[in-house]
Structures are given as structure tokens and as C-alpha cells.
Amino acid sequence: MTRRNLLAVFIAASLIVGISVSVWAEKQPHMKGALESLKRAKVQLEKAAPDKGGHRATAMKLVDQAIEEVKAGMEFANEH
């Protein structure tokens, strides 16, 4: 494959991935919003003082888990 053909394939693949991601987000605006909110919550928890009797650390773990569940739910919905 020539360099020019390789570049064309790379550009086409990049466009397809970009379009797929934007369609994925548009189909699920509430899940996307929830994901963004969870990410903001994680940042705030990370900035909070650690002395909370272990509850801050537990909340951080649960937010991480929630982020993964939202992502998995979005992926599942897109495949079915």
C-alpha cells in the first residue's frame, strides 16, 4: 500500500470514528449529561479535605463505579 493510500485510509477511519462518537452522544443526551456530572463530582471529591471518616473515599469509589456503569449502559444501548 502506498503512503498516499495509507493516508487516505487513516483519514477515512478517523472520520468514521469521529462521526460514530458524535452520533453515540446525540442518541443519549441524558446519559452523556449524567456522565459529565459524575466526572465533575469526582473532581470536587478529589479537592475535598480527606478527613471525612472514610466516607469521602467511599464516595469516590462509588462515583468511579457509577461512571463505569453509565459508560457500559451507553455502550450496551448503542449495540442493541
PDB file of N, CA and C in Angstrom:
ATOM      1  N   MET A   1       0.843  -1.157   0.000  1.00  0.00           N
ATOM      2  CA  MET A   1       0.000   0.000   0.000  1.00  0.00           C
ATOM      3  C   MET A   1       0.901   1.237   0.000  1.00  0.00           C
ATOM      4  N   THR A   2       0.585   2.170  -0.850  1.00  0.00           N
ATOM      5  CA  THR A   2       1.410   3.371  -0.927  1.00  0.00           C
ATOM      6  C   THR A   2       1.120   4.286   0.256  1.00  0.00           C
ATOM      7  N   ARG A   3       2.007   5.237   0.417  1.00  0.00           N
ATOM      8  CA  ARG A   3       1.847   6.199   1.502  1.00  0.00           C
ATOM      9  C   ARG A   3       0.559   6.997   1.342  1.00  0.00           C
ATOM     10  N   ARG A   4       0.256   7.342   0.131  1.00  0.00           N
ATOM     11  CA  ARG A   4      -0.953   8.120  -0.160  1.00  0.00           C
ATOM     12  C   ARG A   4      -2.217   7.314   0.182  1.00  0.00           C
ATOM     13  N   ASN A   5      -2.232   6.044  -0.187  1.00  0.00           N
ATOM     14  CA  ASN A   5      -3.374   5.184   0.137  1.00  0.00           C
ATOM     15  C   ASN A   5      -3.509   4.997   1.641  1.00  0.00           C
ATOM     16  N   LEU A   6      -2.386   4.839   2.304  1.00  0.00           N
ATOM     17  CA  LEU A   6      -2.401   4.673   3.754  1.00  0.00           C
ATOM     18  C   LEU A   6      -2.971   5.913   4.429  1.00  0.00           C
ATOM     19  N   LEU A   7      -2.583   7.069   3.949  1.00  0.00           N
ATOM     20  CA  LEU A   7      -3.094   8.324   4.491  1.00  0.00           C
ATOM     21  C   LEU A   7      -4.599   8.433   4.268  1.00  0.00           C
ATOM     22  N   ALA A   8      -5.052   8.054   3.096  1.00  0.00           N
ATOM     23  CA  ALA A   8      -6.481   8.101   2.794  1.00  0.00           C
ATOM     24  C   ALA A   8      -7.265   7.171   3.715  1.00  0.00           C
ATOM     25  N   VAL A   9      -6.738   5.984   3.956  1.00  0.00           N
ATOM     26  CA  VAL A   9      -7.404   5.035   4.848  1.00  0.00           C
ATOM     27  C   VAL A   9      -7.434   5.594   6.272  1.00  0.00           C
ATOM     28  N   PHE A  10      -6.342   6.167   6.718  1.00  0.00           N
ATOM     29  CA  PHE A  10      -6.275   6.745   8.049  1.00  0.00           C
ATOM     30  C   PHE A  10      -7.280   7.884   8.202  1.00  0.00           C
ATOM     31  N   ILE A  11      -7.362   8.751   7.232  1.00  0.00           N
ATOM     32  CA  ILE A  11      -8.309   9.878   7.282  1.00  0.00           C
ATOM     33  C   ILE A  11      -9.744   9.363   7.299  1.00  0.00           C
ATOM     34  N   ALA A  12     -10.042   8.399   6.463  1.00  0.00           N
ATOM     35  CA  ALA A  12     -11.395   7.832   6.420  1.00  0.00           C
ATOM     36  C   ALA A  12     -11.754   7.193   7.757  1.00  0.00           C
ATOM     37  N   ALA A  13     -10.838   6.444   8.323  1.00  0.00           N
ATOM     38  CA  ALA A  13     -11.093   5.794   9.613  1.00  0.00           C
ATOM     39  C   ALA A  13     -11.305   6.835  10.710  1.00  0.00           C
ATOM     40  N   SER A  14     -10.515   7.886  10.693  1.00  0.00           N
ATOM     41  CA  SER A  14     -10.661   8.949  11.686  1.00  0.00           C
ATOM     42  C   SER A  14     -12.010   9.623  11.585  1.00  0.00           C
ATOM     43  N   LEU A  15     -12.466   9.860  10.373  1.00  0.00           N
ATOM     44  CA  LEU A  15     -13.777  10.481  10.171  1.00  0.00           C
ATOM     45  C   LEU A  15     -14.894   9.574  10.667  1.00  0.00           C
ATOM     46  N   ILE A  16     -14.787   8.298  10.372  1.00  0.00           N
ATOM     47  CA  ILE A  16     -15.812   7.342  10.806  1.00  0.00           C
ATOM     48  C   ILE A  16     -15.881   7.285  12.330  1.00  0.00           C
ATOM     49  N   VAL A  17     -14.729   7.237  12.980  1.00  0.00           N
ATOM     50  CA  VAL A  17     -14.708   7.201  14.443  1.00  0.00           C
ATOM     51  C   VAL A  17     -15.288   8.492  15.008  1.00  0.00           C
ATOM     52  N   GLY A  18     -14.925   9.614  14.437  1.00  0.00           N
ATOM     53  CA  GLY A  18     -15.447  10.899  14.906  1.00  0.00           C
ATOM     54  C   GLY A  18     -16.950  10.991  14.760  1.00  0.00           C
ATOM     55  N   ILE A  19     -17.467  10.558  13.639  1.00  0.00           N
ATOM     56  CA  ILE A  19     -18.911  10.571  13.408  1.00  0.00           C
ATOM     57  C   ILE A  19     -19.607   9.612  14.361  1.00  0.00           C
ATOM     58  N   SER A  20     -19.035   8.443  14.560  1.00  0.00           N
ATOM     59  CA  SER A  20     -19.629   7.451  15.462  1.00  0.00           C
ATOM     60  C   SER A  20     -19.737   7.984  16.880  1.00  0.00           C
ATOM     61  N   VAL A  21     -18.702   8.654  17.355  1.00  0.00           N
ATOM     62  CA  VAL A  21     -18.716   9.202  18.707  1.00  0.00           C
ATOM     63  C   VAL A  21     -19.772  10.283  18.841  1.00  0.00           C
ATOM     64  N   SER A  22     -19.891  11.152  17.849  1.00  0.00           N
ATOM     65  CA  SER A  22     -20.887  12.220  17.951  1.00  0.00           C
ATOM     66  C   SER A  22     -22.307  11.669  17.861  1.00  0.00           C
ATOM     67  N   VAL A  23     -22.548  10.672  17.032  1.00  0.00           N
ATOM     68  CA  VAL A  23     -23.868  10.045  16.946  1.00  0.00           C
ATOM     69  C   VAL A  23     -24.183   9.347  18.258  1.00  0.00           C
ATOM     70  N   TRP A  24     -23.201   8.674  18.850  1.00  0.00           N
ATOM     71  CA  TRP A  24     -23.354   7.978  20.125  1.00  0.00           C
ATOM     72  C   TRP A  24     -23.808   8.960  21.197  1.00  0.00           C
ATOM     73  N   ALA A  25     -23.178  10.119  21.265  1.00  0.00           N
ATOM     74  CA  ALA A  25     -23.522  11.105  22.283  1.00  0.00           C
ATOM     75  C   ALA A  25     -24.900  11.722  22.013  1.00  0.00           C
ATOM     76  N   GLU A  26     -25.231  11.971  20.762  1.00  0.00           N
ATOM     77  CA  GLU A  26     -26.507  12.572  20.419  1.00  0.00           C
ATOM     78  C   GLU A  26     -27.680  11.650  20.735  1.00  0.00           C
ATOM     79  N   LYS A  27     -27.482  10.350  20.624  1.00  0.00           N
ATOM     80  CA  LYS A  27     -28.549   9.399  20.894  1.00  0.00           C
ATOM     81  C   LYS A  27     -28.891   9.339  22.375  1.00  0.00           C
ATOM     82  N   GLN A  28     -27.968   9.692  23.230  1.00  0.00           N
ATOM     83  CA  GLN A  28     -28.147   9.513  24.658  1.00  0.00           C
ATOM     84  C   GLN A  28     -27.760  10.776  25.437  1.00  0.00           C
ATOM     85  N   PRO A  29     -28.483  11.863  25.199  1.00  0.00           N
ATOM     86  CA  PRO A  29     -28.082  13.126  25.837  1.00  0.00           C
ATOM     87  C   PRO A  29     -28.167  13.086  27.366  1.00  0.00           C
ATOM     88  N   HIS A  30     -29.106  12.333  27.922  1.00  0.00           N
ATOM     89  CA  HIS A  30     -29.233  12.290  29.377  1.00  0.00           C
ATOM     90  C   HIS A  30     -28.125  11.461  30.006  1.00  0.00           C
ATOM     91  N   MET A  31     -27.759  10.372  29.357  1.00  0.00           N
ATOM     92  CA  MET A  31     -26.644   9.564  29.859  1.00  0.00           C
ATOM     93  C   MET A  31     -25.345  10.359  29.753  1.00  0.00           C
ATOM     94  N   LYS A  32     -25.195  11.091  28.659  1.00  0.00           N
ATOM     95  CA  LYS A  32     -23.994  11.922  28.490  1.00  0.00           C
ATOM     96  C   LYS A  32     -23.961  12.986  29.577  1.00  0.00           C
ATOM     97  N   GLY A  33     -25.111  13.597  29.854  1.00  0.00           N
ATOM     98  CA  GLY A  33     -25.183  14.602  30.907  1.00  0.00           C
ATOM     99  C   GLY A  33     -24.849  14.018  32.271  1.00  0.00           C
ATOM    100  N   ALA A  34     -25.361  12.817  32.529  1.00  0.00           N
ATOM    101  CA  ALA A  34     -25.068  12.146  33.797  1.00  0.00           C
ATOM    102  C   ALA A  34     -23.574  11.863  33.917  1.00  0.00           C
ATOM    103  N   LEU A  35     -22.971  11.421  32.830  1.00  0.00           N
ATOM    104  CA  LEU A  35     -21.545  11.118  32.828  1.00  0.00           C
ATOM    105  C   LEU A  35     -20.728  12.377  33.129  1.00  0.00           C
ATOM    106  N   GLU A  36     -21.093  13.476  32.510  1.00  0.00           N
ATOM    107  CA  GLU A  36     -20.384  14.736  32.751  1.00  0.00           C
ATOM    108  C   GLU A  36     -20.554  15.185  34.203  1.00  0.00           C
ATOM    109  N   SER A  37     -21.754  15.028  34.748  1.00  0.00           N
ATOM    110  CA  SER A  37     -21.996  15.394  36.149  1.00  0.00           C
ATOM    111  C   SER A  37     -21.178  14.535  37.105  1.00  0.00           C
ATOM    112  N   LEU A  38     -21.114  13.248  36.815  1.00  0.00           N
ATOM    113  CA  LEU A  38     -20.320  12.350  37.657  1.00  0.00           C
ATOM    114  C   LEU A  38     -18.837  12.716  37.607  1.00  0.00           C
ATOM    115  N   LYS A  39     -18.363  13.082  36.450  1.00  0.00           N
ATOM    116  CA  LYS A  39     -16.957  13.474  36.326  1.00  0.00           C
ATOM    117  C   LYS A  39     -16.688  14.752  37.120  1.00  0.00           C
ATOM    118  N   ARG A  40     -17.634  15.691  37.085  1.00  0.00           N
ATOM    119  CA  ARG A  40     -17.482  16.919  37.877  1.00  0.00           C
ATOM    120  C   ARG A  40     -17.528  16.598  39.374  1.00  0.00           C
ATOM    121  N   ALA A  41     -18.408  15.684  39.768  1.00  0.00           N
ATOM    122  CA  ALA A  41     -18.489  15.282  41.169  1.00  0.00           C
ATOM    123  C   ALA A  41     -17.175  14.663  41.632  1.00  0.00           C
ATOM    124  N   LYS A  42     -16.575  13.855  40.771  1.00  0.00           N
ATOM    125  CA  LYS A  42     -15.295  13.223  41.114  1.00  0.00           C
ATOM    126  C   LYS A  42     -14.219  14.277  41.377  1.00  0.00           C
ATOM    127  N   VAL A  43     -14.180  15.298  40.530  1.00  0.00           N
ATOM    128  CA  VAL A  43     -13.201  16.381  40.709  1.00  0.00           C
ATOM    129  C   VAL A  43     -13.425  17.070  42.055  1.00  0.00           C
ATOM    130  N   GLN A  44     -14.677  17.345  42.399  1.00  0.00           N
ATOM    131  CA  GLN A  44     -14.970  18.006  43.667  1.00  0.00           C
ATOM    132  C   GLN A  44     -14.588  17.132  44.858  1.00  0.00           C
ATOM    133  N   LEU A  45     -14.874  15.855  44.775  1.00  0.00           N
ATOM    134  CA  LEU A  45     -14.495  14.939  45.852  1.00  0.00           C
ATOM    135  C   LEU A  45     -12.980  14.872  46.019  1.00  0.00           C
ATOM    136  N   GLU A  46     -12.266  14.901  44.894  1.00  0.00           N
ATOM    137  CA  GLU A  46     -10.800  14.866  44.960  1.00  0.00           C
ATOM    138  C   GLU A  46     -10.249  16.120  45.631  1.00  0.00           C
ATOM    139  N   LYS A  47     -10.928  17.244  45.462  1.00  0.00           N
ATOM    140  CA  LYS A  47     -10.479  18.510  46.048  1.00  0.00           C
ATOM    141  C   LYS A  47     -10.877  18.643  47.516  1.00  0.00           C
ATOM    142  N   ALA A  48     -11.852  17.878  47.953  1.00  0.00           N
ATOM    143  CA  ALA A  48     -12.335  17.978  49.331  1.00  0.00           C
ATOM    144  C   ALA A  48     -11.287  17.478  50.318  1.00  0.00           C
ATOM    145  N   ALA A  49     -11.351  18.003  51.532  1.00  0.00           N
ATOM    146  CA  ALA A  49     -10.445  17.554  52.596  1.00  0.00           C
ATOM    147  C   ALA A  49     -10.690  16.067  52.863  1.00  0.00           C
ATOM    148  N   PRO A  50      -9.632  15.307  53.106  1.00  0.00           N
ATOM    149  CA  PRO A  50      -9.776  13.860  53.247  1.00  0.00           C
ATOM    150  C   PRO A  50     -10.378  13.396  54.576  1.00  0.00           C
ATOM    151  N   ASP A  51     -10.442  14.250  55.581  1.00  0.00           N
ATOM    152  CA  ASP A  51     -10.895  13.830  56.906  1.00  0.00           C
ATOM    153  C   ASP A  51     -12.428  13.776  56.977  1.00  0.00           C
ATOM    154  N   LYS A  52     -12.999  12.676  56.497  1.00  0.00           N
ATOM    155  CA  LYS A  52     -14.455  12.511  56.481  1.00  0.00           C
ATOM    156  C   LYS A  52     -14.859  11.135  57.010  1.00  0.00           C
ATOM    157  N   GLY A  53     -14.037  10.545  57.830  1.00  0.00           N
ATOM    158  CA  GLY A  53     -14.352   9.245  58.413  1.00  0.00           C
ATOM    159  C   GLY A  53     -14.449   8.130  57.390  1.00  0.00           C
ATOM    160  N   GLY A  54     -13.741   8.266  56.275  1.00  0.00           N
ATOM    161  CA  GLY A  54     -13.750   7.243  55.228  1.00  0.00           C
ATOM    162  C   GLY A  54     -14.877   7.393  54.214  1.00  0.00           C
ATOM    163  N   HIS A  55     -15.800   8.316  54.486  1.00  0.00           N
ATOM    164  CA  HIS A  55     -16.955   8.472  53.597  1.00  0.00           C
ATOM    165  C   HIS A  55     -16.577   9.123  52.265  1.00  0.00           C
ATOM    166  N   ARG A  56     -15.632  10.048  52.293  1.00  0.00           N
ATOM    167  CA  ARG A  56     -15.166  10.668  51.044  1.00  0.00           C
ATOM    168  C   ARG A  56     -14.545   9.620  50.135  1.00  0.00           C
ATOM    169  N   ALA A  57     -13.698   8.778  50.694  1.00  0.00           N
ATOM    170  CA  ALA A  57     -13.039   7.728  49.904  1.00  0.00           C
ATOM    171  C   ALA A  57     -14.072   6.760  49.335  1.00  0.00           C
ATOM    172  N   THR A  58     -15.068   6.406  50.147  1.00  0.00           N
ATOM    173  CA  THR A  58     -16.118   5.509  49.662  1.00  0.00           C
ATOM    174  C   THR A  58     -16.916   6.179  48.548  1.00  0.00           C
ATOM    175  N   ALA A  59     -17.224   7.453  48.730  1.00  0.00           N
ATOM    176  CA  ALA A  59     -17.960   8.192  47.702  1.00  0.00           C
ATOM    177  C   ALA A  59     -17.171   8.239  46.392  1.00  0.00           C
ATOM    178  N   MET A  60     -15.867   8.422  46.482  1.00  0.00           N
ATOM    179  CA  MET A  60     -15.035   8.455  45.283  1.00  0.00           C
ATOM    180  C   MET A  60     -15.079   7.117  44.554  1.00  0.00           C
ATOM    181  N   LYS A  61     -15.029   6.023  45.316  1.00  0.00           N
ATOM    182  CA  LYS A  61     -15.101   4.694  44.699  1.00  0.00           C
ATOM    183  C   LYS A  61     -16.456   4.481  44.025  1.00  0.00           C
ATOM    184  N   LEU A  62     -17.517   4.931  44.688  1.00  0.00           N
ATOM    185  CA  LEU A  62     -18.855   4.763  44.131  1.00  0.00           C
ATOM    186  C   LEU A  62     -19.062   5.623  42.891  1.00  0.00           C
ATOM    187  N   VAL A  63     -18.482   6.819  42.882  1.00  0.00           N
ATOM    188  CA  VAL A  63     -18.574   7.674  41.694  1.00  0.00           C
ATOM    189  C   VAL A  63     -17.818   7.026  40.534  1.00  0.00           C
ATOM    190  N   ASP A  64     -16.648   6.477  40.810  1.00  0.00           N
ATOM    191  CA  ASP A  64     -15.897   5.761  39.763  1.00  0.00           C
ATOM    192  C   ASP A  64     -16.724   4.600  39.212  1.00  0.00           C
ATOM    193  N   GLN A  65     -17.366   3.878  40.119  1.00  0.00           N
ATOM    194  CA  GLN A  65     -18.204   2.751  39.700  1.00  0.00           C
ATOM    195  C   GLN A  65     -19.384   3.246  38.864  1.00  0.00           C
ATOM    196  N   ALA A  66     -19.988   4.343  39.282  1.00  0.00           N
ATOM    197  CA  ALA A  66     -21.123   4.905  38.546  1.00  0.00           C
ATOM    198  C   ALA A  66     -20.701   5.360  37.150  1.00  0.00           C
ATOM    199  N   ILE A  67     -19.527   5.954  37.040  1.00  0.00           N
ATOM    200  CA  ILE A  67     -19.015   6.378  35.737  1.00  0.00           C
ATOM    201  C   ILE A  67     -18.895   5.172  34.806  1.00  0.00           C
ATOM    202  N   GLU A  68     -18.323   4.094  35.316  1.00  0.00           N
ATOM    203  CA  GLU A  68     -18.164   2.885  34.502  1.00  0.00           C
ATOM    204  C   GLU A  68     -19.517   2.288  34.112  1.00  0.00           C
ATOM    205  N   GLU A  69     -20.479   2.319  35.023  1.00  0.00           N
ATOM    206  CA  GLU A  69     -21.817   1.783  34.731  1.00  0.00           C
ATOM    207  C   GLU A  69     -22.525   2.620  33.661  1.00  0.00           C
ATOM    208  N   VAL A  70     -22.397   3.928  33.741  1.00  0.00           N
ATOM    209  CA  VAL A  70     -23.013   4.800  32.726  1.00  0.00           C
ATOM    210  C   VAL A  70     -22.388   4.522  31.364  1.00  0.00           C
ATOM    211  N   LYS A  71     -21.071   4.425  31.320  1.00  0.00           N
ATOM    212  CA  LYS A  71     -20.389   4.113  30.053  1.00  0.00           C
ATOM    213  C   LYS A  71     -20.854   2.767  29.507  1.00  0.00           C
ATOM    214  N   ALA A  72     -20.941   1.765  30.382  1.00  0.00           N
ATOM    215  CA  ALA A  72     -21.373   0.435  29.951  1.00  0.00           C
ATOM    216  C   ALA A  72     -22.812   0.477  29.442  1.00  0.00           C
ATOM    217  N   GLY A  73     -23.655   1.240  30.127  1.00  0.00           N
ATOM    218  CA  GLY A  73     -25.047   1.367  29.681  1.00  0.00           C
ATOM    219  C   GLY A  73     -25.164   2.029  28.327  1.00  0.00           C
ATOM    220  N   MET A  74     -24.366   3.049  28.093  1.00  0.00           N
ATOM    221  CA  MET A  74     -24.376   3.732  26.798  1.00  0.00           C
ATOM    222  C   MET A  74     -23.906   2.785  25.698  1.00  0.00           C
ATOM    223  N   GLU A  75     -22.853   2.060  25.996  1.00  0.00           N
ATOM    224  CA  GLU A  75     -22.313   1.104  25.008  1.00  0.00           C
ATOM    225  C   GLU A  75     -23.339   0.023  24.697  1.00  0.00           C
ATOM    226  N   PHE A  76     -23.978  -0.501  25.745  1.00  0.00           N
ATOM    227  CA  PHE A  76     -24.994  -1.536  25.556  1.00  0.00           C
ATOM    228  C   PHE A  76     -26.130  -1.014  24.682  1.00  0.00           C
ATOM    229  N   ALA A  77     -26.619   0.177  25.001  1.00  0.00           N
ATOM    230  CA  ALA A  77     -27.727   0.754  24.235  1.00  0.00           C
ATOM    231  C   ALA A  77     -27.359   0.981  22.775  1.00  0.00           C
ATOM    232  N   ASN A  78     -26.124   1.314  22.521  1.00  0.00           N
ATOM    233  CA  ASN A  78     -25.684   1.547  21.151  1.00  0.00           C
ATOM    234  C   ASN A  78     -25.537   0.263  20.357  1.00  0.00           C
ATOM    235  N   GLU A  79     -25.329  -0.846  21.056  1.00  0.00           N
ATOM    236  CA  GLU A  79     -25.159  -2.125  20.367  1.00  0.00           C
ATOM    237  C   GLU A  79     -26.480  -2.853  20.155  1.00  0.00           C
ATOM    238  N   HIS A  80     -27.531  -2.430  20.866  1.00  0.00           N
ATOM    239  CA  HIS A  80     -28.813  -3.146  20.770  1.00  0.00           C
ATOM    240  C   HIS A  80     -29.926  -2.266  20.279  1.00  0.00           C
TER     241      HIS A  80
END
